[in-house]
Amino acid sequence: MKKRQKKIQNQNIQTSDIVSIVLRYGFILIIALIFFYSEFFYKLLLLPTIYSVKFLLESFYETSVLGNLILVNSMRIEIIPACVAVSAYLLLLILNITTPMNLKKRTISIIFSIFSLLIINILRILVFSLLLINDYAYYDILHKIFWYFLSIILVVGIWFISAFLFKIKKIPIYSDISFMLRLIKDNKNYKPKHY
């Protein structure tokens, strides 16, 4: 009897894990579609980004905001979707959602990751704005190096810090694939009893 109860309990756990995978990857698909076919996330992240940079720049210069432009003296600093780093937020969200964990840990990890990236990105835009305003000779090269190389390292770094702080033991995507392969293997080896 105990063996049967344990088997039913394991089947229930496996079913809930499968439902979790379907829901999580379905959610990613919806988020990705919104990301690729609308400017929703750009508009959502633009306001806190642009007004935070404006507030920090006001310590040095007289500034104002017009749409997605920060006006400093006679200079215009345009904050485009790449500056807001919407794809970096999406990558952090994908790393988080493709990792099996409980809802509380996932929520805290997402909040930590998003706010960390927001703060770092605001500081990055501030530094590059100051370099641009002061006509720094290597601005273009530095900007491209940061955008093409350091931004990915930054996102991965935030994910590893989040995993360390919140004791996330599973690996994005890999843990789900391992679980599904193990489940398939167990079902192949299962031989029903004939009475």
Protein backbone atom coordinates (compact mmCIF):
# COMPACT_ATOMS: atom_id res chain seq x y z
CA MET A 1 0.00 0.00 0.00
CA LYS A 2 2.81 2.42 0.93
CA LYS A 3 4.61 1.62 -2.32
CA ARG A 4 1.46 2.45 -4.30
CA GLN A 5 0.97 5.75 -2.42
CA LYS A 6 4.59 6.70 -3.07
CA LYS A 7 4.18 5.88 -6.76
CA ILE A 8 1.03 8.05 -6.99
CA GLN A 9 2.81 10.84 -5.11
CA ASN A 10 5.77 10.65 -7.56
CA GLN A 11 3.39 10.74 -10.52
CA ASN A 12 1.69 13.84 -9.06
CA ILE A 13 5.06 15.55 -8.60
CA GLN A 14 6.07 14.65 -12.16
CA THR A 15 2.76 15.97 -13.51
CA SER A 16 3.14 19.26 -11.64
CA ASP A 17 6.73 19.56 -12.95
CA ILE A 18 5.53 19.01 -16.52
CA VAL A 19 2.75 21.59 -16.07
CA SER A 20 5.34 24.02 -14.66
CA ILE A 21 7.58 23.54 -17.71
CA VAL A 22 4.69 24.07 -20.14
CA LEU A 23 3.52 27.21 -18.31
CA ARG A 24 7.02 28.68 -17.97
CA TYR A 25 7.98 28.18 -21.61
CA GLY A 26 4.54 29.36 -22.74
CA PHE A 27 5.07 32.53 -20.71
CA ILE A 28 8.47 33.05 -22.35
CA LEU A 29 6.87 32.68 -25.78
CA ILE A 30 4.26 35.34 -24.94
CA ILE A 31 6.92 37.72 -23.55
CA ALA A 32 9.12 37.17 -26.63
CA LEU A 33 6.21 37.90 -28.98
CA ILE A 34 5.41 41.13 -27.10
CA PHE A 35 9.12 42.03 -27.21
CA PHE A 36 9.51 41.43 -30.94
CA TYR A 37 6.20 42.91 -32.11
CA SER A 38 5.70 45.96 -29.91
CA GLU A 39 7.56 48.69 -28.06
CA PHE A 40 5.77 47.91 -24.78
CA PHE A 41 8.90 47.01 -22.80
CA TYR A 42 10.90 49.90 -24.27
CA LYS A 43 8.19 52.38 -23.25
CA LEU A 44 7.85 50.73 -19.83
CA LEU A 45 11.60 50.98 -19.12
CA LEU A 46 12.23 54.32 -20.85
CA LEU A 47 10.62 56.55 -18.21
CA PRO A 48 12.51 55.30 -15.13
CA THR A 49 15.74 55.17 -17.15
CA ILE A 50 15.55 58.60 -18.79
CA TYR A 51 14.30 60.49 -15.73
CA SER A 52 16.90 58.87 -13.45
CA VAL A 53 19.69 59.86 -15.86
CA LYS A 54 18.21 63.38 -16.12
CA PHE A 55 18.10 63.66 -12.31
CA LEU A 56 21.75 62.58 -12.02
CA LEU A 57 22.90 64.86 -14.86
CA GLU A 58 21.22 67.82 -13.13
CA SER A 59 24.01 67.65 -10.55
CA PHE A 60 26.37 68.88 -13.29
CA TYR A 61 24.28 70.58 -16.00
CA GLU A 62 20.94 72.14 -16.69
CA THR A 63 18.89 69.39 -18.32
CA SER A 64 15.42 68.73 -19.67
CA VAL A 65 13.61 65.80 -21.26
CA LEU A 66 11.71 65.84 -24.53
CA GLY A 67 10.29 62.43 -25.45
CA ASN A 68 13.25 60.08 -25.57
CA LEU A 69 15.79 62.94 -25.65
CA ILE A 70 17.78 64.38 -22.78
CA LEU A 71 18.72 67.96 -23.60
CA VAL A 72 21.93 69.17 -21.97
CA ASN A 73 22.96 72.72 -22.90
CA SER A 74 22.81 72.56 -26.71
CA MET A 75 23.42 68.80 -26.89
CA ARG A 76 20.77 66.13 -27.50
CA ILE A 77 21.24 62.66 -26.02
CA GLU A 78 18.82 60.20 -27.59
CA ILE A 79 17.83 57.19 -25.53
CA ILE A 80 16.98 54.50 -28.09
CA PRO A 81 15.77 50.92 -27.30
CA ALA A 82 19.39 49.66 -27.37
CA CYS A 83 20.29 52.21 -24.66
CA VAL A 84 17.42 51.05 -22.47
CA ALA A 85 18.77 47.48 -22.94
CA VAL A 86 15.37 45.83 -23.35
CA SER A 87 17.01 42.69 -24.78
CA ALA A 88 19.19 42.41 -21.66
CA TYR A 89 16.08 42.46 -19.44
CA LEU A 90 14.52 39.82 -21.69
CA LEU A 91 17.63 37.62 -21.39
CA LEU A 92 17.57 37.90 -17.58
CA LEU A 93 13.88 37.00 -17.58
CA ILE A 94 14.54 33.98 -19.83
CA LEU A 95 17.40 32.79 -17.61
CA ASN A 96 15.14 33.07 -14.59
CA ILE A 97 12.03 31.48 -16.05
CA THR A 98 13.86 28.56 -17.69
CA THR A 99 15.27 27.59 -14.29
CA PRO A 100 13.12 25.34 -12.09
CA MET A 101 12.52 26.96 -8.68
CA ASN A 102 9.66 27.83 -6.38
CA LEU A 103 7.54 30.95 -6.98
CA LYS A 104 8.89 32.93 -4.00
CA LYS A 105 12.52 32.42 -5.00
CA ARG A 106 11.70 33.20 -8.66
CA THR A 107 9.91 36.44 -7.74
CA ILE A 108 12.73 37.67 -5.51
CA SER A 109 15.34 36.70 -8.11
CA ILE A 110 13.48 38.52 -10.91
CA ILE A 111 13.05 41.67 -8.80
CA PHE A 112 16.73 41.63 -7.79
CA SER A 113 17.93 41.03 -11.37
CA ILE A 114 15.73 43.70 -12.95
CA PHE A 115 16.56 46.38 -10.38
CA SER A 116 20.27 45.53 -10.54
CA LEU A 117 20.27 45.86 -14.32
CA LEU A 118 18.22 49.08 -14.14
CA ILE A 119 20.65 50.72 -11.70
CA ILE A 120 23.74 49.59 -13.62
CA ASN A 121 22.23 50.70 -16.92
CA ILE A 122 21.33 54.14 -15.53
CA LEU A 123 24.91 54.56 -14.31
CA ARG A 124 26.23 53.37 -17.70
CA ILE A 125 24.09 55.91 -19.58
CA LEU A 126 25.16 58.62 -17.12
CA VAL A 127 28.86 57.87 -17.67
CA PHE A 128 28.50 57.76 -21.45
CA SER A 129 26.43 60.97 -21.40
CA LEU A 130 29.19 62.71 -19.44
CA LEU A 131 31.81 61.41 -21.89
CA LEU A 132 29.73 62.62 -24.83
CA ILE A 133 29.07 66.05 -23.30
CA ASN A 134 32.78 66.50 -22.58
CA ASP A 135 33.69 65.40 -26.13
CA TYR A 136 35.78 62.42 -25.00
CA ALA A 137 38.03 61.36 -27.90
CA TYR A 138 37.42 57.59 -27.57
CA TYR A 139 33.68 57.79 -26.90
CA ASP A 140 32.60 55.82 -30.02
CA ILE A 141 35.10 53.00 -29.51
CA LEU A 142 34.34 52.70 -25.80
CA HIS A 143 30.59 52.77 -26.46
CA LYS A 144 30.86 49.97 -29.07
CA ILE A 145 33.12 47.82 -26.86
CA PHE A 146 30.68 48.11 -23.99
CA TRP A 147 27.66 47.41 -26.16
CA TYR A 148 29.04 44.40 -28.06
CA PHE A 149 31.06 42.68 -25.34
CA LEU A 150 30.56 43.94 -21.81
CA SER A 151 26.75 44.04 -21.90
CA ILE A 152 26.49 40.23 -22.26
CA ILE A 153 29.06 39.72 -19.49
CA LEU A 154 27.05 42.11 -17.33
CA VAL A 155 23.79 40.18 -17.80
CA VAL A 156 25.45 36.82 -17.14
CA GLY A 157 27.19 38.34 -14.09
CA ILE A 158 23.87 39.56 -12.66
CA TRP A 159 22.39 36.08 -13.21
CA PHE A 160 25.30 34.37 -11.40
CA ILE A 161 25.09 36.83 -8.49
CA SER A 162 21.35 36.21 -8.28
CA ALA A 163 21.89 32.43 -8.36
CA PHE A 164 24.51 32.73 -5.59
CA LEU A 165 22.46 35.07 -3.36
CA PHE A 166 19.23 33.11 -3.63
CA LYS A 167 20.86 29.66 -3.65
CA ILE A 168 19.52 28.68 -7.08
CA LYS A 169 20.95 25.22 -7.72
CA LYS A 170 19.34 24.41 -11.07
CA ILE A 171 20.70 25.38 -14.49
CA PRO A 172 18.57 27.32 -17.01
CA ILE A 173 17.07 25.09 -19.74
CA TYR A 174 19.49 22.22 -18.97
CA SER A 175 17.64 21.19 -15.78
CA ASP A 176 14.31 21.04 -17.62
CA ILE A 177 15.80 19.03 -20.50
CA SER A 178 17.43 16.60 -18.03
CA PHE A 179 14.13 16.13 -16.24
CA MET A 180 12.24 15.46 -19.48
CA LEU A 181 14.89 13.01 -20.75
CA ARG A 182 14.86 11.17 -17.41
CA LEU A 183 11.05 10.98 -17.56
CA ILE A 184 11.14 9.60 -21.12
CA LYS A 185 13.78 7.03 -20.12
CA ASP A 186 11.75 5.95 -17.06
CA ASN A 187 8.61 5.52 -19.18
CA LYS A 188 10.50 3.45 -21.78
CA ASN A 189 11.75 1.11 -19.05
CA TYR A 190 8.31 0.81 -17.45
CA LYS A 191 6.74 -2.61 -18.01
CA PRO A 192 3.09 -2.90 -16.98
CA LYS A 193 2.16 -5.92 -14.87
CA HIS A 194 -0.24 -8.36 -16.46
CA TYR A 195 -2.66 -10.02 -14.14
